[in-house]
Amino acid sequence: MKRELMMTQDGSHTIFIPELNEHYHSTHGAIAEAQHVFIQAGCQYFVDKYHDINILEIGFGTGLNAVLTEFFSQQHHFSIHYTAIEAFPLANEILQQLNYSQFDSIHHNVFDKIHQIAWNDEFQEISPNFWMQKQHIMLENYSPLSDYFDLIYFDAFAPDIQPILWEKSIFEKLFRCLKNGGILTTYSAKGEVRRNMQSVGFLVERLPGALGKREMLRAIKP
């Protein structure tokens, strides 16, 4: 599928897929959305709980969520093991054009390092508090360890675009791989998504959405 680089309102790039009429991030701001949905509603949730967490990202995409999470790990002295899965990795020529203009030179180096590590390899140290592995695999075929993750970033394409990834069977798998007290965050607040989460045992909160969206969801494994 063709992928086009586009600028969002906060000056950060996203990717547009004309065939699907879908963007990787909110056009109101790629960095702003990632900070709101995954860092503030996700990582920040654990600040007063503990400082050693395992994260699973569904939809690695541009790597933006991983870079912002590494920032968080250094700022808050969190030890993070980060697993990202992606069915369709971006080509290097697209990655090299991304201009997350808010990044300083140190964080550009982090961006480069997370894209340089090999797919389907063991955890690699990106910085003193942050280890990462990337899995080139479709979510439907991914078999995570049970009771392993503290936090899941659910950043798949929208339910209207990839409905199979938002079905009950997927959330059953993700529920099993979370520890008790673990959470899943996503930008979507669609009613069917919320009901599928609840049907497998999640306690689901509606939270204010990022700019341009009224609500988002955070699901907790009790």
Protein backbone atom coordinates (compact mmCIF):
# COMPACT_ATOMS: atom_id res chain seq x y z
CA MET A 1 0.00 0.00 0.00
CA LYS A 2 1.14 3.51 -0.77
CA ARG A 3 2.13 5.62 2.24
CA GLU A 4 2.37 9.41 2.20
CA LEU A 5 4.03 11.72 4.71
CA MET A 6 1.73 14.39 6.16
CA MET A 7 2.22 17.22 8.68
CA THR A 8 -0.11 17.40 11.67
CA GLN A 9 -1.16 20.55 13.50
CA ASP A 10 1.51 20.32 16.21
CA GLY A 11 4.26 20.22 13.60
CA SER A 12 4.89 16.49 13.82
CA HIS A 13 4.57 14.05 10.94
CA THR A 14 2.11 11.26 10.46
CA ILE A 15 1.62 8.72 7.68
CA PHE A 16 -1.44 8.67 5.41
CA ILE A 17 -2.61 5.58 3.51
CA PRO A 18 -4.80 6.73 0.59
CA GLU A 19 -6.13 3.22 -0.09
CA LEU A 20 -7.65 3.11 3.39
CA ASN A 21 -8.21 6.85 3.78
CA GLU A 22 -6.53 6.43 7.18
CA HIS A 23 -3.82 8.25 9.11
CA TYR A 24 -1.41 6.69 11.59
CA HIS A 25 -2.08 9.53 14.06
CA SER A 26 -4.53 12.33 14.68
CA THR A 27 -4.16 15.17 12.20
CA HIS A 28 -4.58 17.50 15.20
CA GLY A 29 -1.11 16.43 16.35
CA ALA A 30 0.76 13.13 16.25
CA ILE A 31 2.95 13.82 19.28
CA ALA A 32 0.10 15.45 21.20
CA GLU A 33 -2.15 12.44 20.66
CA ALA A 34 0.53 9.91 21.63
CA GLN A 35 1.37 11.86 24.78
CA HIS A 36 -2.28 12.06 25.80
CA VAL A 37 -3.43 8.51 25.05
CA PHE A 38 -0.37 6.43 25.88
CA ILE A 39 1.89 8.44 28.18
CA GLN A 40 -0.56 10.41 30.32
CA ALA A 41 -3.34 7.79 30.41
CA GLY A 42 -0.89 4.88 30.36
CA CYS A 43 2.58 5.31 31.85
CA GLN A 44 1.52 8.05 34.24
CA TYR A 45 -1.01 5.65 35.78
CA PHE A 46 1.90 3.72 37.36
CA VAL A 47 3.92 6.64 38.76
CA ASP A 48 2.69 6.21 42.32
CA LYS A 49 2.42 2.41 42.10
CA TYR A 50 5.80 1.01 41.03
CA HIS A 51 8.67 1.79 38.69
CA ASP A 52 9.41 -1.41 36.80
CA ILE A 53 6.90 -2.21 34.05
CA ASN A 54 6.49 -4.32 30.93
CA ILE A 55 4.74 -2.66 27.99
CA LEU A 56 3.21 -4.17 24.86
CA GLU A 57 2.54 -1.92 21.90
CA ILE A 58 0.06 -3.08 19.27
CA GLY A 59 1.04 -1.21 16.12
CA PHE A 60 4.65 0.02 16.23
CA GLY A 61 4.14 2.24 13.17
CA THR A 62 6.56 5.19 13.13
CA GLY A 63 8.04 4.35 16.52
CA LEU A 64 6.68 7.55 18.05
CA ASN A 65 5.07 5.86 21.07
CA ALA A 66 8.29 3.99 21.84
CA VAL A 67 10.39 7.15 21.72
CA LEU A 68 8.02 9.06 24.00
CA THR A 69 7.99 6.11 26.40
CA GLU A 70 11.79 6.11 26.53
CA PHE A 71 11.63 9.84 27.45
CA PHE A 72 9.25 8.94 30.25
CA SER A 73 11.53 6.18 31.52
CA GLN A 74 14.43 8.63 31.89
CA GLN A 75 12.38 11.47 33.37
CA HIS A 76 10.71 9.27 36.01
CA HIS A 77 13.47 6.70 36.53
CA PHE A 78 11.23 3.90 35.32
CA SER A 79 12.69 0.57 34.25
CA ILE A 80 10.75 -0.44 31.13
CA HIS A 81 10.85 -3.54 28.95
CA TYR A 82 8.99 -2.60 25.79
CA THR A 83 7.67 -5.09 23.23
CA ALA A 84 6.28 -3.70 19.98
CA ILE A 85 4.49 -5.74 17.34
CA GLU A 86 3.88 -4.62 13.77
CA ALA A 87 2.39 -6.46 10.81
CA PHE A 88 3.60 -4.02 8.14
CA PRO A 89 6.86 -2.25 9.08
CA LEU A 90 7.55 1.05 7.38
CA ALA A 91 10.29 1.24 4.78
CA ASN A 92 13.53 3.00 5.74
CA GLU A 93 12.99 5.71 3.13
CA ILE A 94 9.77 6.74 4.91
CA LEU A 95 11.34 6.57 8.38
CA GLN A 96 14.23 8.78 7.29
CA GLN A 97 11.81 11.54 6.26
CA LEU A 98 9.94 11.71 9.58
CA ASN A 99 10.49 15.02 11.31
CA TYR A 100 9.33 14.94 14.89
CA SER A 101 10.39 18.55 15.26
CA GLN A 102 10.11 18.64 19.06
CA PHE A 103 12.93 16.09 19.47
CA ASP A 104 16.38 17.34 20.45
CA SER A 105 19.56 15.64 19.27
CA ILE A 106 19.63 13.14 22.16
CA HIS A 107 16.11 11.97 21.41
CA HIS A 108 16.78 11.80 17.70
CA ASN A 109 19.50 9.32 18.65
CA VAL A 110 16.91 7.25 20.55
CA PHE A 111 14.63 7.32 17.49
CA ASP A 112 17.49 6.03 15.34
CA LYS A 113 18.38 3.27 17.81
CA ILE A 114 14.86 1.86 18.08
CA HIS A 115 14.65 1.61 14.30
CA GLN A 116 18.09 0.05 13.97
CA ILE A 117 17.42 -2.94 16.23
CA ALA A 118 16.52 -6.09 14.34
CA TRP A 119 13.01 -7.48 14.12
CA ASN A 120 12.28 -10.69 16.02
CA ASP A 121 15.41 -10.40 18.15
CA GLU A 122 15.93 -10.45 21.92
CA PHE A 123 15.55 -7.35 24.09
CA GLN A 124 18.10 -4.65 23.28
CA GLU A 125 19.17 -1.85 25.62
CA ILE A 126 18.24 1.51 24.15
CA SER A 127 19.17 3.56 27.22
CA PRO A 128 19.93 2.80 30.91
CA ASN A 129 16.26 2.34 31.89
CA PHE A 130 14.75 1.17 28.61
CA TRP A 131 14.97 -2.19 26.82
CA MET A 132 13.09 -2.98 23.65
CA GLN A 133 12.25 -5.79 21.26
CA LYS A 134 10.27 -5.60 18.02
CA GLN A 135 8.18 -8.45 16.61
CA HIS A 136 7.22 -8.51 12.93
CA ILE A 137 3.94 -10.37 13.28
CA MET A 138 0.20 -9.93 12.91
CA LEU A 139 -1.70 -9.53 16.16
CA GLU A 140 -3.93 -12.48 15.23
CA ASN A 141 -0.83 -14.72 15.17
CA TYR A 142 0.91 -13.28 18.22
CA SER A 143 1.02 -15.45 21.36
CA PRO A 144 2.11 -13.34 24.35
CA LEU A 145 3.02 -14.75 27.73
CA SER A 146 0.18 -14.87 30.25
CA ASP A 147 0.20 -12.39 33.15
CA TYR A 148 3.32 -10.65 31.81
CA PHE A 149 2.47 -7.09 30.76
CA ASP A 150 1.54 -4.16 32.97
CA LEU A 151 0.45 -1.85 30.16
CA ILE A 152 -0.79 -2.33 26.60
CA TYR A 153 -0.82 0.46 24.02
CA PHE A 154 -3.60 -0.54 21.65
CA ASP A 155 -2.76 1.57 18.59
CA ALA A 156 -4.19 -0.48 15.74
CA PHE A 157 -6.00 1.16 12.83
CA ALA A 158 -9.55 2.25 13.60
CA PRO A 159 -12.30 -0.36 14.09
CA ASP A 160 -13.92 0.61 10.80
CA ILE A 161 -10.63 -0.05 8.98
CA GLN A 162 -9.42 -3.21 10.76
CA PRO A 163 -12.48 -4.61 12.57
CA ILE A 164 -10.86 -8.03 13.16
CA LEU A 165 -8.35 -6.44 15.54
CA TRP A 166 -11.11 -5.08 17.78
CA GLU A 167 -13.08 -8.29 18.22
CA LYS A 168 -13.77 -10.09 21.49
CA SER A 169 -11.23 -12.84 20.73
CA ILE A 170 -8.43 -10.25 20.50
CA PHE A 171 -9.36 -8.67 23.81
CA GLU A 172 -9.51 -12.11 25.44
CA LYS A 173 -5.89 -12.66 24.38
CA LEU A 174 -4.82 -9.25 25.66
CA PHE A 175 -6.70 -9.71 28.93
CA ARG A 176 -4.80 -12.95 29.56
CA CYS A 177 -1.38 -11.41 28.92
CA LEU A 178 -1.93 -8.54 31.38
CA LYS A 179 -1.07 -8.84 35.04
CA ASN A 180 -3.85 -8.23 37.56
CA GLY A 181 -4.06 -4.45 37.91
CA GLY A 182 -2.63 -3.95 34.43
CA ILE A 183 -4.22 -1.59 31.92
CA LEU A 184 -4.88 -1.18 28.21
CA THR A 185 -5.21 2.28 26.68
CA THR A 186 -6.57 3.18 23.26
CA TYR A 187 -7.70 6.27 21.37
CA SER A 188 -10.99 4.59 20.37
CA ALA A 189 -14.15 5.08 22.40
CA LYS A 190 -16.50 3.19 20.10
CA GLY A 191 -19.36 1.51 21.95
CA GLU A 192 -18.77 -1.90 20.40
CA VAL A 193 -15.10 -1.77 21.43
CA ARG A 194 -16.03 -0.93 25.01
CA ARG A 195 -18.58 -3.75 25.14
CA ASN A 196 -16.08 -6.27 23.74
CA MET A 197 -13.58 -5.26 26.41
CA GLN A 198 -16.16 -5.56 29.18
CA SER A 199 -17.34 -8.96 27.94
CA VAL A 200 -13.90 -10.50 28.57
CA GLY A 201 -13.57 -9.05 32.08
CA PHE A 202 -12.09 -5.59 31.70
CA LEU A 203 -13.29 -2.68 33.81
CA VAL A 204 -13.52 0.11 31.26
CA GLU A 205 -13.17 3.83 31.90
CA ARG A 206 -14.11 6.59 29.50
CA LEU A 207 -11.50 9.35 29.64
CA PRO A 208 -11.29 12.69 27.81
CA GLY A 209 -9.85 12.12 24.37
CA ALA A 210 -6.94 13.85 22.67
CA LEU A 211 -7.64 17.05 20.75
CA GLY A 212 -10.28 16.32 18.13
CA LYS A 213 -11.80 13.36 19.99
CA ARG A 214 -14.33 13.63 22.81
CA GLU A 215 -13.38 10.38 24.58
CA MET A 216 -10.86 7.53 24.74
CA LEU A 217 -10.86 4.25 26.66
CA ARG A 218 -8.73 2.81 29.43
CA ALA A 219 -9.40 -0.82 30.36
CA ILE A 220 -8.24 -2.30 33.67
CA LYS A 221 -7.73 -5.98 34.48
CA PRO A 222 -9.05 -6.31 38.05
